[in-house]
Amino acid sequence: MMLLEALGSALLGLVLAAAAAHRLAHRLPARSLVMATGVAGALFGAFVTHSALGAGSILVNLIGATVVSAASLSLLLRPAGRLRRRSAPA
């Protein structure tokens, strides 16, 4: 059962990372890094959720995997435009 949770969460992280890479390609680094981060975040989220709540529900573990994967992917985002730096008035 735990193997199915791990495979399901890894697949979910891969799908989430592919969607982010497709939609936000101009704001993300290399595609391989995005894919690896999505899968690793989902596996870590499933592990943490499984450790905290037990093996009660696969759906709850997949929700935890999705949340941590999305949070991990959001850390890779770069700003959309140029950053304006204003000098402080003297």
PDB file of N, CA and C in Angstrom:
ATOM      1  N   MET A   1       0.821  -1.193   0.000  1.00  0.00           N
ATOM      2  CA  MET A   1       0.000   0.000   0.000  1.00  0.00           C
ATOM      3  C   MET A   1       0.864   1.257   0.000  1.00  0.00           C
ATOM      4  N   MET A   2       1.947   1.240   0.751  1.00  0.00           N
ATOM      5  CA  MET A   2       2.804   2.406   0.814  1.00  0.00           C
ATOM      6  C   MET A   2       3.521   2.640  -0.514  1.00  0.00           C
ATOM      7  N   LEU A   3       3.790   1.568  -1.235  1.00  0.00           N
ATOM      8  CA  LEU A   3       4.409   1.706  -2.554  1.00  0.00           C
ATOM      9  C   LEU A   3       3.470   2.433  -3.510  1.00  0.00           C
ATOM     10  N   LEU A   4       2.181   2.149  -3.428  1.00  0.00           N
ATOM     11  CA  LEU A   4       1.213   2.853  -4.270  1.00  0.00           C
ATOM     12  C   LEU A   4       1.116   4.327  -3.896  1.00  0.00           C
ATOM     13  N   GLU A   5       1.215   4.643  -2.605  1.00  0.00           N
ATOM     14  CA  GLU A   5       1.226   6.038  -2.181  1.00  0.00           C
ATOM     15  C   GLU A   5       2.439   6.753  -2.746  1.00  0.00           C
ATOM     16  N   ALA A   6       3.595   6.116  -2.685  1.00  0.00           N
ATOM     17  CA  ALA A   6       4.821   6.733  -3.189  1.00  0.00           C
ATOM     18  C   ALA A   6       4.757   6.920  -4.706  1.00  0.00           C
ATOM     19  N   LEU A   7       4.305   5.904  -5.421  1.00  0.00           N
ATOM     20  CA  LEU A   7       4.194   6.022  -6.869  1.00  0.00           C
ATOM     21  C   LEU A   7       3.144   7.054  -7.271  1.00  0.00           C
ATOM     22  N   GLY A   8       2.035   7.074  -6.584  1.00  0.00           N
ATOM     23  CA  GLY A   8       0.989   8.053  -6.871  1.00  0.00           C
ATOM     24  C   GLY A   8       1.435   9.474  -6.606  1.00  0.00           C
ATOM     25  N   SER A   9       2.128   9.677  -5.505  1.00  0.00           N
ATOM     26  CA  SER A   9       2.582  11.031  -5.194  1.00  0.00           C
ATOM     27  C   SER A   9       3.702  11.467  -6.144  1.00  0.00           C
ATOM     28  N   ALA A  10       4.574  10.542  -6.544  1.00  0.00           N
ATOM     29  CA  ALA A  10       5.619  10.889  -7.511  1.00  0.00           C
ATOM     30  C   ALA A  10       5.005  11.252  -8.859  1.00  0.00           C
ATOM     31  N   LEU A  11       4.003  10.512  -9.276  1.00  0.00           N
ATOM     32  CA  LEU A  11       3.323  10.813 -10.524  1.00  0.00           C
ATOM     33  C   LEU A  11       2.590  12.152 -10.432  1.00  0.00           C
ATOM     34  N   LEU A  12       1.969  12.410  -9.303  1.00  0.00           N
ATOM     35  CA  LEU A  12       1.289  13.678  -9.085  1.00  0.00           C
ATOM     36  C   LEU A  12       2.268  14.850  -9.123  1.00  0.00           C
ATOM     37  N   GLY A  13       3.424  14.679  -8.494  1.00  0.00           N
ATOM     38  CA  GLY A  13       4.450  15.717  -8.527  1.00  0.00           C
ATOM     39  C   GLY A  13       4.987  15.949  -9.924  1.00  0.00           C
ATOM     40  N   LEU A  14       5.126  14.878 -10.699  1.00  0.00           N
ATOM     41  CA  LEU A  14       5.598  14.997 -12.077  1.00  0.00           C
ATOM     42  C   LEU A  14       4.584  15.747 -12.938  1.00  0.00           C
ATOM     43  N   VAL A  15       3.323  15.447 -12.764  1.00  0.00           N
ATOM     44  CA  VAL A  15       2.271  16.143 -13.521  1.00  0.00           C
ATOM     45  C   VAL A  15       2.215  17.616 -13.127  1.00  0.00           C
ATOM     46  N   LEU A  16       2.311  17.893 -11.847  1.00  0.00           N
ATOM     47  CA  LEU A  16       2.284  19.272 -11.377  1.00  0.00           C
ATOM     48  C   LEU A  16       3.489  20.052 -11.896  1.00  0.00           C
ATOM     49  N   ALA A  17       4.655  19.428 -11.891  1.00  0.00           N
ATOM     50  CA  ALA A  17       5.860  20.081 -12.391  1.00  0.00           C
ATOM     51  C   ALA A  17       5.784  20.303 -13.900  1.00  0.00           C
ATOM     52  N   ALA A  18       5.237  19.350 -14.630  1.00  0.00           N
ATOM     53  CA  ALA A  18       5.098  19.512 -16.078  1.00  0.00           C
ATOM     54  C   ALA A  18       4.134  20.648 -16.403  1.00  0.00           C
ATOM     55  N   ALA A  19       3.053  20.744 -15.645  1.00  0.00           N
ATOM     56  CA  ALA A  19       2.099  21.833 -15.854  1.00  0.00           C
ATOM     57  C   ALA A  19       2.743  23.186 -15.546  1.00  0.00           C
ATOM     58  N   ALA A  20       3.516  23.250 -14.484  1.00  0.00           N
ATOM     59  CA  ALA A  20       4.194  24.503 -14.137  1.00  0.00           C
ATOM     60  C   ALA A  20       5.244  24.856 -15.179  1.00  0.00           C
ATOM     61  N   ALA A  21       5.987  23.865 -15.650  1.00  0.00           N
ATOM     62  CA  ALA A  21       7.020  24.119 -16.656  1.00  0.00           C
ATOM     63  C   ALA A  21       6.405  24.565 -17.974  1.00  0.00           C
ATOM     64  N   HIS A  22       5.242  24.043 -18.297  1.00  0.00           N
ATOM     65  CA  HIS A  22       4.578  24.444 -19.536  1.00  0.00           C
ATOM     66  C   HIS A  22       3.998  25.850 -19.420  1.00  0.00           C
ATOM     67  N   ARG A  23       3.354  26.120 -18.293  1.00  0.00           N
ATOM     68  CA  ARG A  23       2.651  27.390 -18.115  1.00  0.00           C
ATOM     69  C   ARG A  23       3.590  28.545 -17.768  1.00  0.00           C
ATOM     70  N   LEU A  24       4.628  28.276 -16.993  1.00  0.00           N
ATOM     71  CA  LEU A  24       5.524  29.331 -16.500  1.00  0.00           C
ATOM     72  C   LEU A  24       6.964  29.125 -16.957  1.00  0.00           C
ATOM     73  N   ALA A  25       7.158  28.687 -18.182  1.00  0.00           N
ATOM     74  CA  ALA A  25       8.502  28.365 -18.668  1.00  0.00           C
ATOM     75  C   ALA A  25       9.438  29.568 -18.629  1.00  0.00           C
ATOM     76  N   HIS A  26       8.920  30.762 -18.861  1.00  0.00           N
ATOM     77  CA  HIS A  26       9.750  31.961 -18.880  1.00  0.00           C
ATOM     78  C   HIS A  26      10.194  32.402 -17.484  1.00  0.00           C
ATOM     79  N   ARG A  27       9.578  31.879 -16.454  1.00  0.00           N
ATOM     80  CA  ARG A  27       9.928  32.285 -15.089  1.00  0.00           C
ATOM     81  C   ARG A  27      10.604  31.190 -14.279  1.00  0.00           C
ATOM     82  N   LEU A  28      10.856  30.038 -14.882  1.00  0.00           N
ATOM     83  CA  LEU A  28      11.454  28.912 -14.159  1.00  0.00           C
ATOM     84  C   LEU A  28      12.825  28.572 -14.724  1.00  0.00           C
ATOM     85  N   PRO A  29      13.684  27.964 -13.920  1.00  0.00           N
ATOM     86  CA  PRO A  29      14.993  27.524 -14.423  1.00  0.00           C
ATOM     87  C   PRO A  29      14.853  26.295 -15.330  1.00  0.00           C
ATOM     88  N   ALA A  30      15.897  25.556 -15.505  1.00  0.00           N
ATOM     89  CA  ALA A  30      15.931  24.404 -16.414  1.00  0.00           C
ATOM     90  C   ALA A  30      14.803  23.416 -16.104  1.00  0.00           C
ATOM     91  N   ARG A  31      14.260  22.833 -17.159  1.00  0.00           N
ATOM     92  CA  ARG A  31      13.120  21.927 -17.042  1.00  0.00           C
ATOM     93  C   ARG A  31      13.445  20.706 -16.177  1.00  0.00           C
ATOM     94  N   SER A  32      14.664  20.207 -16.269  1.00  0.00           N
ATOM     95  CA  SER A  32      15.032  19.031 -15.468  1.00  0.00           C
ATOM     96  C   SER A  32      15.017  19.347 -13.971  1.00  0.00           C
ATOM     97  N   LEU A  33      15.424  20.551 -13.612  1.00  0.00           N
ATOM     98  CA  LEU A  33      15.382  20.955 -12.204  1.00  0.00           C
ATOM     99  C   LEU A  33      13.948  21.082 -11.717  1.00  0.00           C
ATOM    100  N   VAL A  34      13.081  21.610 -12.563  1.00  0.00           N
ATOM    101  CA  VAL A  34      11.669  21.758 -12.198  1.00  0.00           C
ATOM    102  C   VAL A  34      11.030  20.385 -11.986  1.00  0.00           C
ATOM    103  N   MET A  35      11.308  19.456 -12.895  1.00  0.00           N
ATOM    104  CA  MET A  35      10.733  18.105 -12.770  1.00  0.00           C
ATOM    105  C   MET A  35      11.226  17.410 -11.496  1.00  0.00           C
ATOM    106  N   ALA A  36      12.520  17.500 -11.244  1.00  0.00           N
ATOM    107  CA  ALA A  36      13.083  16.861 -10.055  1.00  0.00           C
ATOM    108  C   ALA A  36      12.528  17.485  -8.776  1.00  0.00           C
ATOM    109  N   THR A  37      12.357  18.796  -8.764  1.00  0.00           N
ATOM    110  CA  THR A  37      11.822  19.476  -7.591  1.00  0.00           C
ATOM    111  C   THR A  37      10.367  19.089  -7.348  1.00  0.00           C
ATOM    112  N   GLY A  38       9.595  18.972  -8.409  1.00  0.00           N
ATOM    113  CA  GLY A  38       8.194  18.581  -8.268  1.00  0.00           C
ATOM    114  C   GLY A  38       8.044  17.189  -7.688  1.00  0.00           C
ATOM    115  N   VAL A  39       8.832  16.248  -8.206  1.00  0.00           N
ATOM    116  CA  VAL A  39       8.757  14.865  -7.713  1.00  0.00           C
ATOM    117  C   VAL A  39       9.270  14.773  -6.276  1.00  0.00           C
ATOM    118  N   ALA A  40      10.409  15.425  -6.005  1.00  0.00           N
ATOM    119  CA  ALA A  40      10.976  15.365  -4.657  1.00  0.00           C
ATOM    120  C   ALA A  40      10.047  16.032  -3.638  1.00  0.00           C
ATOM    121  N   GLY A  41       9.448  17.148  -4.013  1.00  0.00           N
ATOM    122  CA  GLY A  41       8.511  17.818  -3.110  1.00  0.00           C
ATOM    123  C   GLY A  41       7.291  16.966  -2.820  1.00  0.00           C
ATOM    124  N   ALA A  42       6.792  16.280  -3.843  1.00  0.00           N
ATOM    125  CA  ALA A  42       5.624  15.420  -3.645  1.00  0.00           C
ATOM    126  C   ALA A  42       5.963  14.222  -2.763  1.00  0.00           C
ATOM    127  N   LEU A  43       7.099  13.623  -2.986  1.00  0.00           N
ATOM    128  CA  LEU A  43       7.500  12.487  -2.142  1.00  0.00           C
ATOM    129  C   LEU A  43       7.712  12.910  -0.698  1.00  0.00           C
ATOM    130  N   PHE A  44       8.334  14.069  -0.515  1.00  0.00           N
ATOM    131  CA  PHE A  44       8.548  14.568   0.839  1.00  0.00           C
ATOM    132  C   PHE A  44       7.217  14.914   1.510  1.00  0.00           C
ATOM    133  N   GLY A  45       6.304  15.516   0.749  1.00  0.00           N
ATOM    134  CA  GLY A  45       4.983  15.846   1.295  1.00  0.00           C
ATOM    135  C   GLY A  45       4.201  14.609   1.683  1.00  0.00           C
ATOM    136  N   ALA A  46       4.285  13.561   0.853  1.00  0.00           N
ATOM    137  CA  ALA A  46       3.607  12.311   1.186  1.00  0.00           C
ATOM    138  C   ALA A  46       4.223  11.669   2.420  1.00  0.00           C
ATOM    139  N   PHE A  47       5.540  11.746   2.534  1.00  0.00           N
ATOM    140  CA  PHE A  47       6.220  11.182   3.700  1.00  0.00           C
ATOM    141  C   PHE A  47       5.810  11.906   4.983  1.00  0.00           C
ATOM    142  N   VAL A  48       5.801  13.217   4.936  1.00  0.00           N
ATOM    143  CA  VAL A  48       5.442  14.005   6.121  1.00  0.00           C
ATOM    144  C   VAL A  48       3.980  13.767   6.501  1.00  0.00           C
ATOM    145  N   THR A  49       3.108  13.758   5.513  1.00  0.00           N
ATOM    146  CA  THR A  49       1.687  13.524   5.790  1.00  0.00           C
ATOM    147  C   THR A  49       1.458  12.122   6.334  1.00  0.00           C
ATOM    148  N   HIS A  50       2.122  11.145   5.743  1.00  0.00           N
ATOM    149  CA  HIS A  50       1.984   9.767   6.216  1.00  0.00           C
ATOM    150  C   HIS A  50       2.529   9.618   7.641  1.00  0.00           C
ATOM    151  N   SER A  51       3.638  10.295   7.927  1.00  0.00           N
ATOM    152  CA  SER A  51       4.215  10.226   9.271  1.00  0.00           C
ATOM    153  C   SER A  51       3.322  10.906  10.306  1.00  0.00           C
ATOM    154  N   ALA A  52       2.706  12.012   9.918  1.00  0.00           N
ATOM    155  CA  ALA A  52       1.898  12.764  10.872  1.00  0.00           C
ATOM    156  C   ALA A  52       0.524  12.145  11.090  1.00  0.00           C
ATOM    157  N   LEU A  53      -0.100  11.667  10.012  1.00  0.00           N
ATOM    158  CA  LEU A  53      -1.481  11.209  10.124  1.00  0.00           C
ATOM    159  C   LEU A  53      -1.649   9.700  10.049  1.00  0.00           C
ATOM    160  N   GLY A  54      -0.607   9.004   9.676  1.00  0.00           N
ATOM    161  CA  GLY A  54      -0.699   7.557   9.553  1.00  0.00           C
ATOM    162  C   GLY A  54      -1.204   7.149   8.178  1.00  0.00           C
ATOM    163  N   ALA A  55      -1.456   5.862   8.044  1.00  0.00           N
ATOM    164  CA  ALA A  55      -1.853   5.309   6.750  1.00  0.00           C
ATOM    165  C   ALA A  55      -3.361   5.264   6.599  1.00  0.00           C
ATOM    166  N   GLY A  56      -4.072   6.195   7.185  1.00  0.00           N
ATOM    167  CA  GLY A  56      -5.522   6.159   7.170  1.00  0.00           C
ATOM    168  C   GLY A  56      -6.144   6.376   5.813  1.00  0.00           C
ATOM    169  N   SER A  57      -5.675   7.363   5.079  1.00  0.00           N
ATOM    170  CA  SER A  57      -6.322   7.701   3.822  1.00  0.00           C
ATOM    171  C   SER A  57      -5.284   8.084   2.779  1.00  0.00           C
ATOM    172  N   ILE A  58      -5.383   7.454   1.627  1.00  0.00           N
ATOM    173  CA  ILE A  58      -4.461   7.781   0.536  1.00  0.00           C
ATOM    174  C   ILE A  58      -4.755   9.182   0.011  1.00  0.00           C
ATOM    175  N   LEU A  59      -6.010   9.571  -0.020  1.00  0.00           N
ATOM    176  CA  LEU A  59      -6.393  10.882  -0.524  1.00  0.00           C
ATOM    177  C   LEU A  59      -5.760  12.005   0.293  1.00  0.00           C
ATOM    178  N   VAL A  60      -5.745  11.867   1.599  1.00  0.00           N
ATOM    179  CA  VAL A  60      -5.136  12.885   2.458  1.00  0.00           C
ATOM    180  C   VAL A  60      -3.636  12.957   2.206  1.00  0.00           C
ATOM    181  N   ASN A  61      -2.996  11.814   2.017  1.00  0.00           N
ATOM    182  CA  ASN A  61      -1.562  11.807   1.729  1.00  0.00           C
ATOM    183  C   ASN A  61      -1.268  12.457   0.383  1.00  0.00           C
ATOM    184  N   LEU A  62      -2.130  12.253  -0.606  1.00  0.00           N
ATOM    185  CA  LEU A  62      -1.926  12.881  -1.913  1.00  0.00           C
ATOM    186  C   LEU A  62      -2.156  14.387  -1.854  1.00  0.00           C
ATOM    187  N   ILE A  63      -3.073  14.817  -1.007  1.00  0.00           N
ATOM    188  CA  ILE A  63      -3.271  16.259  -0.824  1.00  0.00           C
ATOM    189  C   ILE A  63      -2.033  16.882  -0.182  1.00  0.00           C
ATOM    190  N   GLY A  64      -1.479  16.213   0.820  1.00  0.00           N
ATOM    191  CA  GLY A  64      -0.237  16.696   1.427  1.00  0.00           C
ATOM    192  C   GLY A  64       0.902  16.735   0.439  1.00  0.00           C
ATOM    193  N   ALA A  65       0.982  15.728  -0.425  1.00  0.00           N
ATOM    194  CA  ALA A  65       2.021  15.697  -1.452  1.00  0.00           C
ATOM    195  C   ALA A  65       1.852  16.846  -2.426  1.00  0.00           C
ATOM    196  N   THR A  66       0.625  17.145  -2.799  1.00  0.00           N
ATOM    197  CA  THR A  66       0.361  18.242  -3.730  1.00  0.00           C
ATOM    198  C   THR A  66       0.735  19.587  -3.131  1.00  0.00           C
ATOM    199  N   VAL A  67       0.400  19.784  -1.877  1.00  0.00           N
ATOM    200  CA  VAL A  67       0.692  21.063  -1.219  1.00  0.00           C
ATOM    201  C   VAL A  67       2.197  21.299  -1.121  1.00  0.00           C
ATOM    202  N   VAL A  68       2.940  20.305  -0.690  1.00  0.00           N
ATOM    203  CA  VAL A  68       4.387  20.476  -0.535  1.00  0.00           C
ATOM    204  C   VAL A  68       5.067  20.591  -1.897  1.00  0.00           C
ATOM    205  N   SER A  69       4.590  19.862  -2.889  1.00  0.00           N
ATOM    206  CA  SER A  69       5.159  19.964  -4.222  1.00  0.00           C
ATOM    207  C   SER A  69       4.932  21.350  -4.811  1.00  0.00           C
ATOM    208  N   ALA A  70       3.735  21.879  -4.668  1.00  0.00           N
ATOM    209  CA  ALA A  70       3.442  23.222  -5.173  1.00  0.00           C
ATOM    210  C   ALA A  70       4.267  24.274  -4.442  1.00  0.00           C
ATOM    211  N   ALA A  71       4.439  24.106  -3.148  1.00  0.00           N
ATOM    212  CA  ALA A  71       5.262  25.041  -2.383  1.00  0.00           C
ATOM    213  C   ALA A  71       6.720  24.971  -2.821  1.00  0.00           C
ATOM    214  N   SER A  72       7.222  23.780  -3.081  1.00  0.00           N
ATOM    215  CA  SER A  72       8.599  23.629  -3.539  1.00  0.00           C
ATOM    216  C   SER A  72       8.798  24.257  -4.915  1.00  0.00           C
ATOM    217  N   LEU A  73       7.835  24.056  -5.795  1.00  0.00           N
ATOM    218  CA  LEU A  73       7.934  24.642  -7.128  1.00  0.00           C
ATOM    219  C   LEU A  73       7.834  26.160  -7.093  1.00  0.00           C
ATOM    220  N   SER A  74       7.067  26.682  -6.163  1.00  0.00           N
ATOM    221  CA  SER A  74       6.935  28.142  -6.081  1.00  0.00           C
ATOM    222  C   SER A  74       8.250  28.801  -5.660  1.00  0.00           C
ATOM    223  N   LEU A  75       9.098  28.060  -4.975  1.00  0.00           N
ATOM    224  CA  LEU A  75      10.393  28.617  -4.578  1.00  0.00           C
ATOM    225  C   LEU A  75      11.333  28.792  -5.756  1.00  0.00           C
ATOM    226  N   LEU A  76      11.049  28.135  -6.878  1.00  0.00           N
ATOM    227  CA  LEU A  76      11.905  28.250  -8.060  1.00  0.00           C
ATOM    228  C   LEU A  76      11.554  29.435  -8.945  1.00  0.00           C
ATOM    229  N   LEU A  77      10.404  30.050  -8.730  1.00  0.00           N
ATOM    230  CA  LEU A  77       9.953  31.137  -9.596  1.00  0.00           C
ATOM    231  C   LEU A  77      10.852  32.359  -9.496  1.00  0.00           C
ATOM    232  N   ARG A  78      11.109  32.951 -10.665  1.00  0.00           N
ATOM    233  CA  ARG A  78      11.855  34.207 -10.738  1.00  0.00           C
ATOM    234  C   ARG A  78      10.866  35.337 -10.962  1.00  0.00           C
ATOM    235  N   PRO A  79      11.269  36.575 -10.664  1.00  0.00           N
ATOM    236  CA  PRO A  79      10.359  37.709 -10.905  1.00  0.00           C
ATOM    237  C   PRO A  79       9.990  37.820 -12.387  1.00  0.00           C
ATOM    238  N   ALA A  80       8.796  38.320 -12.670  1.00  0.00           N
ATOM    239  CA  ALA A  80       8.300  38.380 -14.044  1.00  0.00           C
ATOM    240  C   ALA A  80       9.019  39.438 -14.866  1.00  0.00           C
ATOM    241  N   GLY A  81       9.253  40.581 -14.304  1.00  0.00           N
ATOM    242  CA  GLY A  81       9.880  41.668 -15.059  1.00  0.00           C
ATOM    243  C   GLY A  81      11.180  42.097 -14.428  1.00  0.00           C
ATOM    244  N   ARG A  82      11.689  43.172 -14.959  1.00  0.00           N
ATOM    245  CA  ARG A  82      12.924  43.717 -14.381  1.00  0.00           C
ATOM    246  C   ARG A  82      12.642  44.318 -13.010  1.00  0.00           C
ATOM    247  N   LEU A  83      13.599  44.183 -12.163  1.00  0.00           N
ATOM    248  CA  LEU A  83      13.485  44.822 -10.854  1.00  0.00           C
ATOM    249  C   LEU A  83      13.988  46.255 -10.971  1.00  0.00           C
ATOM    250  N   ARG A  84      13.189  47.173 -10.499  1.00  0.00           N
ATOM    251  CA  ARG A  84      13.616  48.569 -10.537  1.00  0.00           C
ATOM    252  C   ARG A  84      14.254  48.908  -9.204  1.00  0.00           C
ATOM    253  N   ARG A  85      15.405  49.425  -9.311  1.00  0.00           N
ATOM    254  CA  ARG A  85      16.098  49.844  -8.088  1.00  0.00           C
ATOM    255  C   ARG A  85      16.154  51.353  -8.077  1.00  0.00           C
ATOM    256  N   ARG A  86      15.579  51.890  -7.078  1.00  0.00           N
ATOM    257  CA  ARG A  86      15.598  53.342  -6.937  1.00  0.00           C
ATOM    258  C   ARG A  86      16.620  53.725  -5.888  1.00  0.00           C
ATOM    259  N   SER A  87      17.308  54.784  -6.185  1.00  0.00           N
ATOM    260  CA  SER A  87      18.268  55.252  -5.196  1.00  0.00           C
ATOM    261  C   SER A  87      17.533  56.092  -4.163  1.00  0.00           C
ATOM    262  N   ALA A  88      17.985  56.006  -2.982  1.00  0.00           N
ATOM    263  CA  ALA A  88      17.366  56.773  -1.900  1.00  0.00           C
ATOM    264  C   ALA A  88      17.725  58.247  -2.061  1.00  0.00           C
ATOM    265  N   PRO A  89      16.778  59.111  -1.773  1.00  0.00           N
ATOM    266  CA  PRO A  89      17.101  60.539  -1.883  1.00  0.00           C
ATOM    267  C   PRO A  89      18.160  60.931  -0.860  1.00  0.00           C
ATOM    268  N   ALA A  90      19.061  61.784  -1.297  1.00  0.00           N
ATOM    269  CA  ALA A  90      20.174  62.174  -0.433  1.00  0.00           C
ATOM    270  C   ALA A  90      19.809  63.264   0.508  1.00  0.00           C
TER     271      ALA A  90
END
